[in-house]
Amino acid sequence: MTGARTLTRSGLLRVAVGTGVAATVGASSIARGASGPLADLDLAQARLAVAVELLSIDFLSAAIESKQFADGELRSLRRARFNEGEHLVAVSEILSGAGQTPTTADDFDFTFPAKSFETRQSIAELAVTLETAAVGSYLGAVDAFTAPDLKTTAARIAASEAGHLGFFSRIAYRRPIGISFPAPLDYATASAAIDPYLG
């Protein structure tokens, strides 16, 4: 929740979509196998995914530090943060392999509503909001990515994020099992969903 925010949602959209420059993806331990240039929309989706992961890591760190969770739940929170760290590496490598510089936590000043971390319930309710956006953004990326290997990466991350969503839904609403067909979010909608927390 620290760091100087230098990228707004509109800036993210301009940087992501407005370059007009084709790039080539490099090898990554997860998101690999694409050959040839990446479309602007692929780069845009990867930049959005980086922002989603940085936000998730910041949120989970604050949740862990809140001291509102018992040992078993803390282990799950730490595991979720580990997942988000691996996701961040994968989506950042899409950009770095394409010759782009991924954003980092220092590019944002993450902000959350007042009293978000005062109780276990308030944390879980905010987490449901954030994880719903994360699941939707990755499902949208499955549709939007043009490179098949990137579609697969997005689908795998969406599956992981759905597990996080179920964990927090159980705490917040006693509903660990969600809806049958989570909604994909297009780029603009997903970007708008996380923008309030980016500064």
N, C-alpha and C. Protein backbone atom coordinates (compact mmCIF):
# COMPACT_ATOMS: atom_id res chain seq x y z
N MET A 1 0.82 -1.19 0.00
CA MET A 1 0.00 0.00 0.00
C MET A 1 0.86 1.25 0.00
N THR A 2 2.10 1.08 -0.39
CA THR A 2 2.98 2.22 -0.46
C THR A 2 3.51 2.34 -1.86
N GLY A 3 4.22 3.43 -2.11
CA GLY A 3 4.79 3.64 -3.43
C GLY A 3 4.04 4.72 -4.16
N ALA A 4 4.73 5.40 -5.06
CA ALA A 4 4.13 6.52 -5.78
C ALA A 4 3.42 6.01 -7.01
N ARG A 5 2.17 6.30 -7.10
CA ARG A 5 1.39 5.86 -8.25
C ARG A 5 1.72 6.74 -9.44
N THR A 6 2.13 6.10 -10.52
CA THR A 6 2.46 6.85 -11.73
C THR A 6 1.63 6.43 -12.93
N LEU A 7 0.71 5.48 -12.73
CA LEU A 7 -0.06 4.96 -13.84
C LEU A 7 -1.54 4.94 -13.48
N THR A 8 -2.36 5.69 -14.20
CA THR A 8 -3.79 5.67 -13.98
C THR A 8 -4.42 4.64 -14.91
N ARG A 9 -5.72 4.38 -14.70
CA ARG A 9 -6.40 3.44 -15.59
C ARG A 9 -6.35 3.93 -17.02
N SER A 10 -6.62 5.22 -17.24
CA SER A 10 -6.58 5.73 -18.60
C SER A 10 -5.17 5.65 -19.16
N GLY A 11 -4.18 5.88 -18.30
CA GLY A 11 -2.79 5.73 -18.73
C GLY A 11 -2.47 4.29 -19.07
N LEU A 12 -2.99 3.38 -18.26
CA LEU A 12 -2.78 1.97 -18.53
C LEU A 12 -3.38 1.59 -19.87
N LEU A 13 -4.57 2.10 -20.15
CA LEU A 13 -5.20 1.82 -21.43
C LEU A 13 -4.38 2.37 -22.59
N ARG A 14 -3.89 3.61 -22.43
CA ARG A 14 -3.11 4.22 -23.51
C ARG A 14 -1.80 3.47 -23.74
N VAL A 15 -1.11 3.14 -22.65
CA VAL A 15 0.16 2.44 -22.78
C VAL A 15 -0.06 1.06 -23.36
N ALA A 16 -1.15 0.40 -22.92
CA ALA A 16 -1.38 -0.98 -23.32
C ALA A 16 -1.82 -1.10 -24.76
N VAL A 17 -2.72 -0.22 -25.19
CA VAL A 17 -3.33 -0.39 -26.49
C VAL A 17 -2.75 0.53 -27.54
N GLY A 18 -2.23 1.66 -27.11
CA GLY A 18 -1.88 2.70 -28.07
C GLY A 18 -0.48 2.66 -28.62
N THR A 19 0.29 1.60 -28.37
CA THR A 19 1.65 1.59 -28.84
C THR A 19 1.74 1.36 -30.33
N GLY A 20 0.88 0.49 -30.85
CA GLY A 20 0.93 0.19 -32.27
C GLY A 20 2.18 -0.56 -32.67
N VAL A 21 2.89 -1.14 -31.71
CA VAL A 21 4.15 -1.81 -31.98
C VAL A 21 3.98 -3.30 -31.76
N ALA A 22 4.31 -4.09 -32.74
CA ALA A 22 4.28 -5.54 -32.57
C ALA A 22 5.53 -5.98 -31.84
N ALA A 23 5.39 -7.00 -30.98
CA ALA A 23 6.52 -7.50 -30.23
C ALA A 23 6.53 -9.01 -30.29
N THR A 24 7.65 -9.59 -29.97
CA THR A 24 7.79 -11.04 -29.98
C THR A 24 7.93 -11.53 -28.56
N VAL A 25 7.17 -12.55 -28.22
CA VAL A 25 7.22 -13.08 -26.87
C VAL A 25 8.43 -13.98 -26.70
N GLY A 26 9.06 -13.89 -25.53
CA GLY A 26 10.18 -14.75 -25.22
C GLY A 26 9.74 -15.95 -24.43
N ALA A 27 10.69 -16.82 -24.14
CA ALA A 27 10.38 -18.02 -23.39
C ALA A 27 10.05 -17.67 -21.95
N SER A 28 9.08 -18.37 -21.38
CA SER A 28 8.71 -18.22 -19.98
C SER A 28 8.43 -19.60 -19.43
N SER A 29 8.61 -19.77 -18.14
CA SER A 29 8.38 -21.08 -17.54
C SER A 29 6.92 -21.49 -17.63
N ILE A 30 6.00 -20.53 -17.71
CA ILE A 30 4.58 -20.84 -17.78
C ILE A 30 4.01 -20.39 -19.12
N ALA A 31 4.13 -19.10 -19.42
CA ALA A 31 3.56 -18.55 -20.64
C ALA A 31 4.60 -18.62 -21.74
N ARG A 32 4.73 -19.77 -22.36
CA ARG A 32 5.75 -19.93 -23.39
C ARG A 32 5.14 -20.62 -24.60
N GLY A 33 5.88 -20.62 -25.66
CA GLY A 33 5.47 -21.36 -26.84
C GLY A 33 4.96 -20.48 -27.96
N ALA A 34 4.63 -19.21 -27.67
CA ALA A 34 4.18 -18.35 -28.76
C ALA A 34 5.35 -17.99 -29.63
N SER A 35 5.12 -17.92 -30.92
CA SER A 35 6.16 -17.48 -31.84
C SER A 35 5.58 -16.37 -32.70
N GLY A 36 6.42 -15.47 -33.11
CA GLY A 36 5.95 -14.35 -33.91
C GLY A 36 5.49 -13.20 -33.05
N PRO A 37 4.95 -12.17 -33.70
CA PRO A 37 4.58 -10.96 -32.96
C PRO A 37 3.34 -11.15 -32.10
N LEU A 38 3.29 -10.40 -31.01
CA LEU A 38 2.10 -10.36 -30.17
C LEU A 38 1.25 -9.17 -30.59
N ALA A 39 -0.05 -9.38 -30.62
CA ALA A 39 -0.97 -8.30 -30.94
C ALA A 39 -0.98 -7.28 -29.81
N ASP A 40 -1.36 -6.04 -30.14
CA ASP A 40 -1.47 -5.00 -29.12
C ASP A 40 -2.39 -5.43 -27.98
N LEU A 41 -3.49 -6.12 -28.32
CA LEU A 41 -4.42 -6.53 -27.28
C LEU A 41 -3.79 -7.57 -26.35
N ASP A 42 -2.92 -8.44 -26.88
CA ASP A 42 -2.21 -9.38 -26.02
C ASP A 42 -1.36 -8.63 -25.00
N LEU A 43 -0.64 -7.62 -25.46
CA LEU A 43 0.19 -6.82 -24.56
C LEU A 43 -0.67 -6.07 -23.55
N ALA A 44 -1.82 -5.56 -24.01
CA ALA A 44 -2.73 -4.85 -23.11
C ALA A 44 -3.23 -5.78 -22.01
N GLN A 45 -3.65 -6.99 -22.40
CA GLN A 45 -4.16 -7.94 -21.40
C GLN A 45 -3.06 -8.33 -20.41
N ALA A 46 -1.84 -8.48 -20.90
CA ALA A 46 -0.74 -8.83 -20.00
C ALA A 46 -0.48 -7.70 -19.01
N ARG A 47 -0.54 -6.45 -19.47
CA ARG A 47 -0.34 -5.32 -18.55
C ARG A 47 -1.44 -5.26 -17.49
N LEU A 48 -2.67 -5.50 -17.92
CA LEU A 48 -3.77 -5.53 -16.96
C LEU A 48 -3.56 -6.65 -15.95
N ALA A 49 -3.13 -7.81 -16.42
CA ALA A 49 -2.90 -8.95 -15.52
C ALA A 49 -1.82 -8.62 -14.49
N VAL A 50 -0.77 -7.92 -14.90
CA VAL A 50 0.27 -7.51 -13.96
C VAL A 50 -0.33 -6.62 -12.88
N ALA A 51 -1.17 -5.67 -13.27
CA ALA A 51 -1.80 -4.78 -12.28
C ALA A 51 -2.69 -5.58 -11.33
N VAL A 52 -3.45 -6.53 -11.86
CA VAL A 52 -4.31 -7.38 -11.02
C VAL A 52 -3.47 -8.12 -9.99
N GLU A 53 -2.35 -8.68 -10.42
CA GLU A 53 -1.51 -9.47 -9.51
C GLU A 53 -0.83 -8.59 -8.45
N LEU A 54 -0.36 -7.43 -8.86
CA LEU A 54 0.26 -6.53 -7.88
C LEU A 54 -0.75 -6.09 -6.83
N LEU A 55 -1.97 -5.79 -7.26
CA LEU A 55 -3.03 -5.42 -6.33
C LEU A 55 -3.34 -6.58 -5.38
N SER A 56 -3.43 -7.78 -5.93
CA SER A 56 -3.75 -8.95 -5.11
C SER A 56 -2.68 -9.21 -4.06
N ILE A 57 -1.42 -9.09 -4.45
CA ILE A 57 -0.33 -9.30 -3.50
C ILE A 57 -0.37 -8.26 -2.39
N ASP A 58 -0.61 -7.01 -2.75
CA ASP A 58 -0.67 -5.95 -1.75
C ASP A 58 -1.83 -6.19 -0.79
N PHE A 59 -2.99 -6.55 -1.33
CA PHE A 59 -4.16 -6.84 -0.49
C PHE A 59 -3.89 -8.01 0.46
N LEU A 60 -3.37 -9.10 -0.06
CA LEU A 60 -3.13 -10.28 0.77
C LEU A 60 -2.07 -10.00 1.84
N SER A 61 -1.08 -9.20 1.52
CA SER A 61 -0.08 -8.84 2.53
C SER A 61 -0.73 -8.07 3.66
N ALA A 62 -1.61 -7.12 3.33
CA ALA A 62 -2.31 -6.36 4.36
C ALA A 62 -3.24 -7.26 5.17
N ALA A 63 -3.89 -8.22 4.51
CA ALA A 63 -4.78 -9.15 5.21
C ALA A 63 -3.99 -10.01 6.20
N ILE A 64 -2.82 -10.46 5.78
CA ILE A 64 -1.98 -11.27 6.67
C ILE A 64 -1.53 -10.44 7.87
N GLU A 65 -1.15 -9.20 7.61
CA GLU A 65 -0.66 -8.32 8.68
C GLU A 65 -1.76 -7.83 9.61
N SER A 66 -3.01 -8.01 9.23
CA SER A 66 -4.14 -7.51 10.03
C SER A 66 -4.32 -8.25 11.35
N LYS A 67 -3.80 -9.47 11.41
CA LYS A 67 -3.94 -10.32 12.61
C LYS A 67 -5.40 -10.66 12.91
N GLN A 68 -6.21 -10.76 11.87
CA GLN A 68 -7.62 -11.10 12.03
C GLN A 68 -7.91 -12.58 11.74
N PHE A 69 -6.88 -13.34 11.39
CA PHE A 69 -7.10 -14.72 10.96
C PHE A 69 -6.33 -15.70 11.85
N ALA A 70 -6.94 -16.86 12.07
CA ALA A 70 -6.30 -17.92 12.85
C ALA A 70 -5.24 -18.62 11.99
N ASP A 71 -4.48 -19.50 12.64
CA ASP A 71 -3.33 -20.10 11.97
C ASP A 71 -3.67 -20.81 10.67
N GLY A 72 -4.74 -21.62 10.67
CA GLY A 72 -5.09 -22.35 9.46
C GLY A 72 -5.43 -21.42 8.30
N GLU A 73 -6.20 -20.39 8.59
CA GLU A 73 -6.54 -19.42 7.55
C GLU A 73 -5.32 -18.62 7.12
N LEU A 74 -4.44 -18.32 8.06
CA LEU A 74 -3.21 -17.60 7.70
C LEU A 74 -2.38 -18.41 6.72
N ARG A 75 -2.31 -19.71 6.92
CA ARG A 75 -1.58 -20.56 5.98
C ARG A 75 -2.20 -20.46 4.58
N SER A 76 -3.52 -20.43 4.52
CA SER A 76 -4.20 -20.30 3.23
C SER A 76 -3.93 -18.94 2.60
N LEU A 77 -3.92 -17.89 3.41
CA LEU A 77 -3.63 -16.56 2.89
C LEU A 77 -2.21 -16.49 2.33
N ARG A 78 -1.28 -17.09 3.07
CA ARG A 78 0.11 -17.08 2.59
C ARG A 78 0.25 -17.90 1.31
N ARG A 79 -0.49 -19.00 1.23
CA ARG A 79 -0.46 -19.80 0.00
C ARG A 79 -1.05 -19.02 -1.17
N ALA A 80 -2.15 -18.32 -0.91
CA ALA A 80 -2.75 -17.50 -1.97
C ALA A 80 -1.77 -16.43 -2.44
N ARG A 81 -1.07 -15.81 -1.49
CA ARG A 81 -0.09 -14.78 -1.88
C ARG A 81 1.05 -15.41 -2.69
N PHE A 82 1.45 -16.61 -2.32
CA PHE A 82 2.46 -17.32 -3.11
C PHE A 82 1.95 -17.56 -4.53
N ASN A 83 0.69 -18.01 -4.65
CA ASN A 83 0.09 -18.19 -5.99
C ASN A 83 0.17 -16.90 -6.80
N GLU A 84 -0.23 -15.78 -6.16
CA GLU A 84 -0.24 -14.51 -6.88
C GLU A 84 1.17 -14.11 -7.31
N GLY A 85 2.15 -14.43 -6.49
CA GLY A 85 3.53 -14.14 -6.87
C GLY A 85 3.95 -14.93 -8.10
N GLU A 86 3.54 -16.19 -8.17
CA GLU A 86 3.86 -16.99 -9.36
C GLU A 86 3.09 -16.50 -10.58
N HIS A 87 1.84 -16.11 -10.36
CA HIS A 87 1.08 -15.52 -11.48
C HIS A 87 1.79 -14.27 -12.00
N LEU A 88 2.25 -13.43 -11.07
CA LEU A 88 2.92 -12.18 -11.45
C LEU A 88 4.15 -12.45 -12.30
N VAL A 89 4.94 -13.45 -11.90
CA VAL A 89 6.11 -13.80 -12.70
C VAL A 89 5.69 -14.20 -14.11
N ALA A 90 4.66 -15.04 -14.21
CA ALA A 90 4.23 -15.53 -15.51
C ALA A 90 3.75 -14.41 -16.42
N VAL A 91 2.89 -13.53 -15.90
CA VAL A 91 2.35 -12.47 -16.77
C VAL A 91 3.38 -11.38 -17.03
N SER A 92 4.29 -11.17 -16.09
CA SER A 92 5.37 -10.20 -16.33
C SER A 92 6.31 -10.70 -17.42
N GLU A 93 6.53 -12.00 -17.45
CA GLU A 93 7.42 -12.56 -18.46
C GLU A 93 6.82 -12.48 -19.87
N ILE A 94 5.50 -12.42 -19.96
CA ILE A 94 4.89 -12.18 -21.27
C ILE A 94 5.39 -10.85 -21.81
N LEU A 95 5.40 -9.84 -20.93
CA LEU A 95 5.82 -8.51 -21.35
C LEU A 95 7.33 -8.42 -21.54
N SER A 96 8.09 -8.93 -20.57
CA SER A 96 9.54 -8.81 -20.69
C SER A 96 10.05 -9.62 -21.88
N GLY A 97 9.42 -10.76 -22.16
CA GLY A 97 9.80 -11.54 -23.32
C GLY A 97 9.48 -10.84 -24.62
N ALA A 98 8.53 -9.91 -24.55
CA ALA A 98 8.16 -9.13 -25.73
C ALA A 98 8.93 -7.82 -25.82
N GLY A 99 9.93 -7.67 -24.95
CA GLY A 99 10.74 -6.45 -24.98
C GLY A 99 10.12 -5.28 -24.27
N GLN A 100 9.08 -5.54 -23.47
CA GLN A 100 8.40 -4.50 -22.72
C GLN A 100 8.87 -4.52 -21.27
N THR A 101 8.67 -3.42 -20.56
CA THR A 101 9.02 -3.36 -19.14
C THR A 101 7.75 -3.46 -18.31
N PRO A 102 7.56 -4.55 -17.56
CA PRO A 102 6.35 -4.67 -16.74
C PRO A 102 6.33 -3.62 -15.63
N THR A 103 5.14 -3.18 -15.25
CA THR A 103 5.03 -2.29 -14.10
C THR A 103 5.35 -3.08 -12.83
N THR A 104 5.68 -2.34 -11.78
CA THR A 104 5.96 -2.95 -10.48
C THR A 104 5.10 -2.27 -9.43
N ALA A 105 5.18 -2.75 -8.20
CA ALA A 105 4.41 -2.16 -7.11
C ALA A 105 4.76 -0.69 -6.91
N ASP A 106 5.98 -0.30 -7.24
CA ASP A 106 6.39 1.10 -7.08
C ASP A 106 5.65 2.04 -8.02
N ASP A 107 5.00 1.50 -9.04
CA ASP A 107 4.25 2.33 -9.98
C ASP A 107 2.85 2.66 -9.48
N PHE A 108 2.45 2.10 -8.34
CA PHE A 108 1.11 2.30 -7.82
C PHE A 108 1.15 2.70 -6.35
N ASP A 109 0.10 3.37 -5.92
CA ASP A 109 -0.14 3.61 -4.50
C ASP A 109 -1.48 2.96 -4.18
N PHE A 110 -1.45 1.69 -3.80
CA PHE A 110 -2.68 0.93 -3.61
C PHE A 110 -3.48 1.50 -2.44
N THR A 111 -4.77 1.65 -2.66
CA THR A 111 -5.65 2.19 -1.62
C THR A 111 -6.88 1.31 -1.50
N PHE A 112 -7.35 1.16 -0.26
CA PHE A 112 -8.53 0.36 0.01
C PHE A 112 -9.49 1.18 0.87
N PRO A 113 -10.77 0.87 0.83
CA PRO A 113 -11.74 1.63 1.63
C PRO A 113 -11.38 1.64 3.11
N ALA A 114 -11.79 2.70 3.78
CA ALA A 114 -11.53 2.81 5.21
C ALA A 114 -12.09 1.60 5.94
N LYS A 115 -11.36 1.14 6.93
CA LYS A 115 -11.76 0.03 7.80
C LYS A 115 -11.80 -1.32 7.08
N SER A 116 -11.20 -1.40 5.90
CA SER A 116 -11.21 -2.66 5.15
C SER A 116 -10.57 -3.80 5.91
N PHE A 117 -9.58 -3.51 6.75
CA PHE A 117 -8.82 -4.55 7.41
C PHE A 117 -9.07 -4.62 8.92
N GLU A 118 -10.21 -4.07 9.35
CA GLU A 118 -10.50 -4.04 10.79
C GLU A 118 -11.05 -5.36 11.32
N THR A 119 -11.75 -6.10 10.47
CA THR A 119 -12.32 -7.38 10.91
C THR A 119 -12.09 -8.44 9.85
N ARG A 120 -12.17 -9.68 10.29
CA ARG A 120 -12.08 -10.82 9.37
C ARG A 120 -13.16 -10.73 8.32
N GLN A 121 -14.37 -10.33 8.72
CA GLN A 121 -15.49 -10.23 7.79
C GLN A 121 -15.26 -9.16 6.73
N SER A 122 -14.80 -7.98 7.16
CA SER A 122 -14.59 -6.89 6.19
C SER A 122 -13.49 -7.25 5.19
N ILE A 123 -12.47 -7.94 5.67
CA ILE A 123 -11.40 -8.37 4.77
C ILE A 123 -11.93 -9.36 3.75
N ALA A 124 -12.70 -10.33 4.22
CA ALA A 124 -13.22 -11.36 3.32
C ALA A 124 -14.19 -10.77 2.30
N GLU A 125 -15.01 -9.81 2.71
CA GLU A 125 -15.95 -9.20 1.76
C GLU A 125 -15.21 -8.43 0.66
N LEU A 126 -14.16 -7.68 1.05
CA LEU A 126 -13.38 -6.99 0.03
C LEU A 126 -12.66 -7.99 -0.86
N ALA A 127 -12.17 -9.07 -0.26
CA ALA A 127 -11.48 -10.09 -1.05
C ALA A 127 -12.40 -10.69 -2.10
N VAL A 128 -13.66 -10.92 -1.75
CA VAL A 128 -14.61 -11.45 -2.73
C VAL A 128 -14.74 -10.49 -3.91
N THR A 129 -14.81 -9.20 -3.63
CA THR A 129 -14.88 -8.21 -4.70
C THR A 129 -13.65 -8.28 -5.59
N LEU A 130 -12.47 -8.30 -4.97
CA LEU A 130 -11.22 -8.30 -5.74
C LEU A 130 -11.03 -9.61 -6.50
N GLU A 131 -11.34 -10.73 -5.87
CA GLU A 131 -11.15 -12.02 -6.54
C GLU A 131 -12.17 -12.22 -7.66
N THR A 132 -13.38 -11.68 -7.48
CA THR A 132 -14.36 -11.74 -8.58
C THR A 132 -13.83 -10.99 -9.79
N ALA A 133 -13.22 -9.84 -9.55
CA ALA A 133 -12.62 -9.07 -10.64
C ALA A 133 -11.45 -9.82 -11.27
N ALA A 134 -10.65 -10.48 -10.43
CA ALA A 134 -9.51 -11.23 -10.95
C ALA A 134 -9.97 -12.40 -11.82
N VAL A 135 -10.93 -13.17 -11.32
CA VAL A 135 -11.45 -14.28 -12.12
C VAL A 135 -12.02 -13.77 -13.44
N GLY A 136 -12.82 -12.72 -13.36
CA GLY A 136 -13.43 -12.17 -14.58
C GLY A 136 -12.40 -11.65 -15.56
N SER A 137 -11.36 -11.01 -15.05
CA SER A 137 -10.35 -10.46 -15.95
C SER A 137 -9.59 -11.57 -16.67
N TYR A 138 -9.29 -12.66 -15.97
CA TYR A 138 -8.58 -13.76 -16.63
C TYR A 138 -9.50 -14.53 -17.58
N LEU A 139 -10.77 -14.68 -17.23
CA LEU A 139 -11.69 -15.30 -18.17
C LEU A 139 -11.84 -14.43 -19.43
N GLY A 140 -11.89 -13.13 -19.23
CA GLY A 140 -11.91 -12.23 -20.38
C GLY A 140 -10.65 -12.35 -21.21
N ALA A 141 -9.51 -12.55 -20.54
CA ALA A 141 -8.25 -12.72 -21.27
C ALA A 141 -8.23 -13.99 -22.09
N VAL A 142 -8.90 -15.05 -21.59
CA VAL A 142 -8.98 -16.28 -22.39
C VAL A 142 -9.64 -15.98 -23.73
N ASP A 143 -10.68 -15.16 -23.70
CA ASP A 143 -11.34 -14.76 -24.96
C ASP A 143 -10.45 -13.83 -25.78
N ALA A 144 -9.79 -12.89 -25.10
CA ALA A 144 -9.13 -11.79 -25.81
C ALA A 144 -7.74 -12.14 -26.35
N PHE A 145 -6.99 -12.95 -25.64
CA PHE A 145 -5.64 -13.29 -26.11
C PHE A 145 -5.72 -13.94 -27.49
N THR A 146 -4.81 -13.56 -28.36
CA THR A 146 -4.77 -14.17 -29.69
C THR A 146 -3.81 -15.34 -29.74
N ALA A 147 -2.78 -15.34 -28.90
CA ALA A 147 -1.81 -16.43 -28.88
C ALA A 147 -2.36 -17.59 -28.06
N PRO A 148 -2.45 -18.80 -28.63
CA PRO A 148 -3.05 -19.93 -27.91
C PRO A 148 -2.39 -20.23 -26.57
N ASP A 149 -1.06 -20.12 -26.47
CA ASP A 149 -0.41 -20.43 -25.20
C ASP A 149 -0.79 -19.43 -24.13
N LEU A 150 -1.05 -18.18 -24.53
CA LEU A 150 -1.47 -17.18 -23.55
C LEU A 150 -2.90 -17.45 -23.08
N LYS A 151 -3.75 -17.95 -23.96
CA LYS A 151 -5.10 -18.35 -23.55
C LYS A 151 -5.02 -19.44 -22.47
N THR A 152 -4.13 -20.40 -22.67
CA THR A 152 -3.97 -21.48 -21.70
C THR A 152 -3.48 -20.95 -20.37
N THR A 153 -2.50 -20.05 -20.41
CA THR A 153 -1.99 -19.46 -19.17
C THR A 153 -3.10 -18.72 -18.43
N ALA A 154 -3.89 -17.93 -19.16
CA ALA A 154 -4.98 -17.19 -18.53
C ALA A 154 -6.00 -18.13 -17.91
N ALA A 155 -6.31 -19.23 -18.58
CA ALA A 155 -7.28 -20.19 -18.05
C ALA A 155 -6.75 -20.85 -16.78
N ARG A 156 -5.46 -21.17 -16.76
CA ARG A 156 -4.88 -21.80 -15.57
C ARG A 156 -4.90 -20.84 -14.38
N ILE A 157 -4.58 -19.57 -14.65
CA ILE A 157 -4.60 -18.59 -13.55
C ILE A 157 -6.03 -18.35 -13.09
N ALA A 158 -7.00 -18.30 -14.01
CA ALA A 158 -8.39 -18.13 -13.62
C ALA A 158 -8.83 -19.26 -12.68
N ALA A 159 -8.39 -20.49 -12.96
CA ALA A 159 -8.74 -21.62 -12.09
C ALA A 159 -8.18 -21.42 -10.68
N SER A 160 -6.96 -20.92 -10.59
CA SER A 160 -6.35 -20.66 -9.29
C SER A 160 -7.10 -19.54 -8.56
N GLU A 161 -7.41 -18.47 -9.28
CA GLU A 161 -8.13 -17.35 -8.66
C GLU A 161 -9.51 -17.79 -8.18
N ALA A 162 -10.14 -18.71 -8.89
CA ALA A 162 -11.45 -19.21 -8.45
C ALA A 162 -11.34 -19.92 -7.11
N GLY A 163 -10.22 -20.61 -6.88
CA GLY A 163 -10.00 -21.22 -5.58
C GLY A 163 -9.90 -20.19 -4.47
N HIS A 164 -9.21 -19.09 -4.75
CA HIS A 164 -9.12 -18.01 -3.76
C HIS A 164 -10.50 -17.42 -3.50
N LEU A 165 -11.26 -17.24 -4.56
CA LEU A 165 -12.61 -16.69 -4.42
C LEU A 165 -13.47 -17.59 -3.53
N GLY A 166 -13.39 -18.89 -3.73
CA GLY A 166 -14.16 -19.82 -2.90
C GLY A 166 -13.76 -19.75 -1.43
N PHE A 167 -12.47 -19.61 -1.17
CA PHE A 167 -11.98 -19.51 0.21
C PHE A 167 -12.59 -18.29 0.91
N PHE A 168 -12.53 -17.14 0.24
CA PHE A 168 -13.06 -15.93 0.86
C PHE A 168 -14.58 -15.90 0.88
N SER A 169 -15.22 -16.51 -0.10
CA SER A 169 -16.68 -16.59 -0.11
C SER A 169 -17.20 -17.42 1.06
N ARG A 170 -16.47 -18.45 1.43
CA ARG A 170 -16.85 -19.26 2.59
C ARG A 170 -16.82 -18.41 3.86
N ILE A 171 -15.78 -17.60 4.02
CA ILE A 171 -15.67 -16.77 5.21
C ILE A 171 -16.72 -15.67 5.22
N ALA A 172 -16.87 -14.99 4.10
CA ALA A 172 -17.73 -13.81 4.05
C ALA A 172 -19.21 -14.17 4.01
N TYR A 173 -19.58 -15.19 3.25
CA TYR A 173 -21.00 -15.44 2.99
C TYR A 173 -21.41 -16.89 3.21
N ARG A 174 -20.49 -17.72 3.72
CA ARG A 174 -20.77 -19.14 3.94
C ARG A 174 -21.14 -19.85 2.64
N ARG A 175 -20.55 -19.37 1.55
CA ARG A 175 -20.83 -19.96 0.23
C ARG A 175 -19.51 -20.29 -0.47
N PRO A 176 -18.87 -21.40 -0.13
CA PRO A 176 -17.59 -21.72 -0.77
C PRO A 176 -17.72 -22.13 -2.23
N ILE A 177 -18.90 -22.57 -2.62
CA ILE A 177 -19.12 -22.96 -4.01
C ILE A 177 -19.87 -21.85 -4.72
N GLY A 178 -19.29 -21.37 -5.80
CA GLY A 178 -19.86 -20.21 -6.48
C GLY A 178 -20.80 -20.59 -7.61
N ILE A 179 -21.01 -19.63 -8.49
CA ILE A 179 -21.95 -19.81 -9.61
C ILE A 179 -21.35 -20.75 -10.66
N SER A 180 -22.22 -21.28 -11.49
CA SER A 180 -21.80 -22.27 -12.48
C SER A 180 -20.97 -21.66 -13.60
N PHE A 181 -21.27 -20.40 -13.96
CA PHE A 181 -20.59 -19.76 -15.08
C PHE A 181 -20.12 -18.36 -14.70
N PRO A 182 -18.95 -18.23 -14.06
CA PRO A 182 -18.44 -16.90 -13.74
C PRO A 182 -18.33 -16.05 -15.00
N ALA A 183 -18.61 -14.76 -14.86
CA ALA A 183 -18.66 -13.88 -16.03
C ALA A 183 -17.27 -13.40 -16.42
N PRO A 184 -16.93 -13.52 -17.72
CA PRO A 184 -15.69 -12.91 -18.18
C PRO A 184 -15.86 -11.39 -18.25
N LEU A 185 -14.80 -10.66 -17.99
CA LEU A 185 -14.83 -9.20 -18.08
C LEU A 185 -13.94 -8.76 -19.24
N ASP A 186 -14.47 -7.89 -20.10
CA ASP A 186 -13.62 -7.38 -21.16
C ASP A 186 -12.58 -6.44 -20.57
N TYR A 187 -11.64 -6.03 -21.40
CA TYR A 187 -10.50 -5.26 -20.90
C TYR A 187 -10.93 -3.99 -20.16
N ALA A 188 -11.81 -3.21 -20.76
CA ALA A 188 -12.21 -1.95 -20.15
C ALA A 188 -12.95 -2.17 -18.83
N THR A 189 -13.83 -3.17 -18.79
CA THR A 189 -14.59 -3.45 -17.58
C THR A 189 -13.68 -3.95 -16.44
N ALA A 190 -12.76 -4.84 -16.79
CA ALA A 190 -11.82 -5.34 -15.78
C ALA A 190 -10.92 -4.22 -15.26
N SER A 191 -10.46 -3.38 -16.18
CA SER A 191 -9.62 -2.25 -15.76
C SER A 191 -10.39 -1.32 -14.83
N ALA A 192 -11.64 -1.04 -15.15
CA ALA A 192 -12.47 -0.17 -14.31
C ALA A 192 -12.72 -0.81 -12.95
N ALA A 193 -12.78 -2.14 -12.89
CA ALA A 193 -13.07 -2.82 -11.62
C ALA A 193 -11.92 -2.69 -10.63
N ILE A 194 -10.69 -2.66 -11.12
CA ILE A 194 -9.56 -2.55 -10.19
C ILE A 194 -9.05 -1.13 -10.00
N ASP A 195 -9.46 -0.22 -10.88
CA ASP A 195 -8.94 1.15 -10.82
C ASP A 195 -9.15 1.84 -9.47
N PRO A 196 -10.30 1.66 -8.79
CA PRO A 196 -10.47 2.37 -7.50
C PRO A 196 -9.42 2.03 -6.45
N TYR A 197 -8.74 0.90 -6.62
CA TYR A 197 -7.77 0.47 -5.61
C TYR A 197 -6.33 0.81 -6.00
N LEU A 198 -6.16 1.41 -7.16
CA LEU A 198 -4.81 1.70 -7.65
C LEU A 198 -4.32 3.10 -7.31
N GLY A 199 -5.10 3.85 -6.51
CA GLY A 199 -4.60 5.14 -6.10
C GLY A 199 -5.71 6.12 -5.85
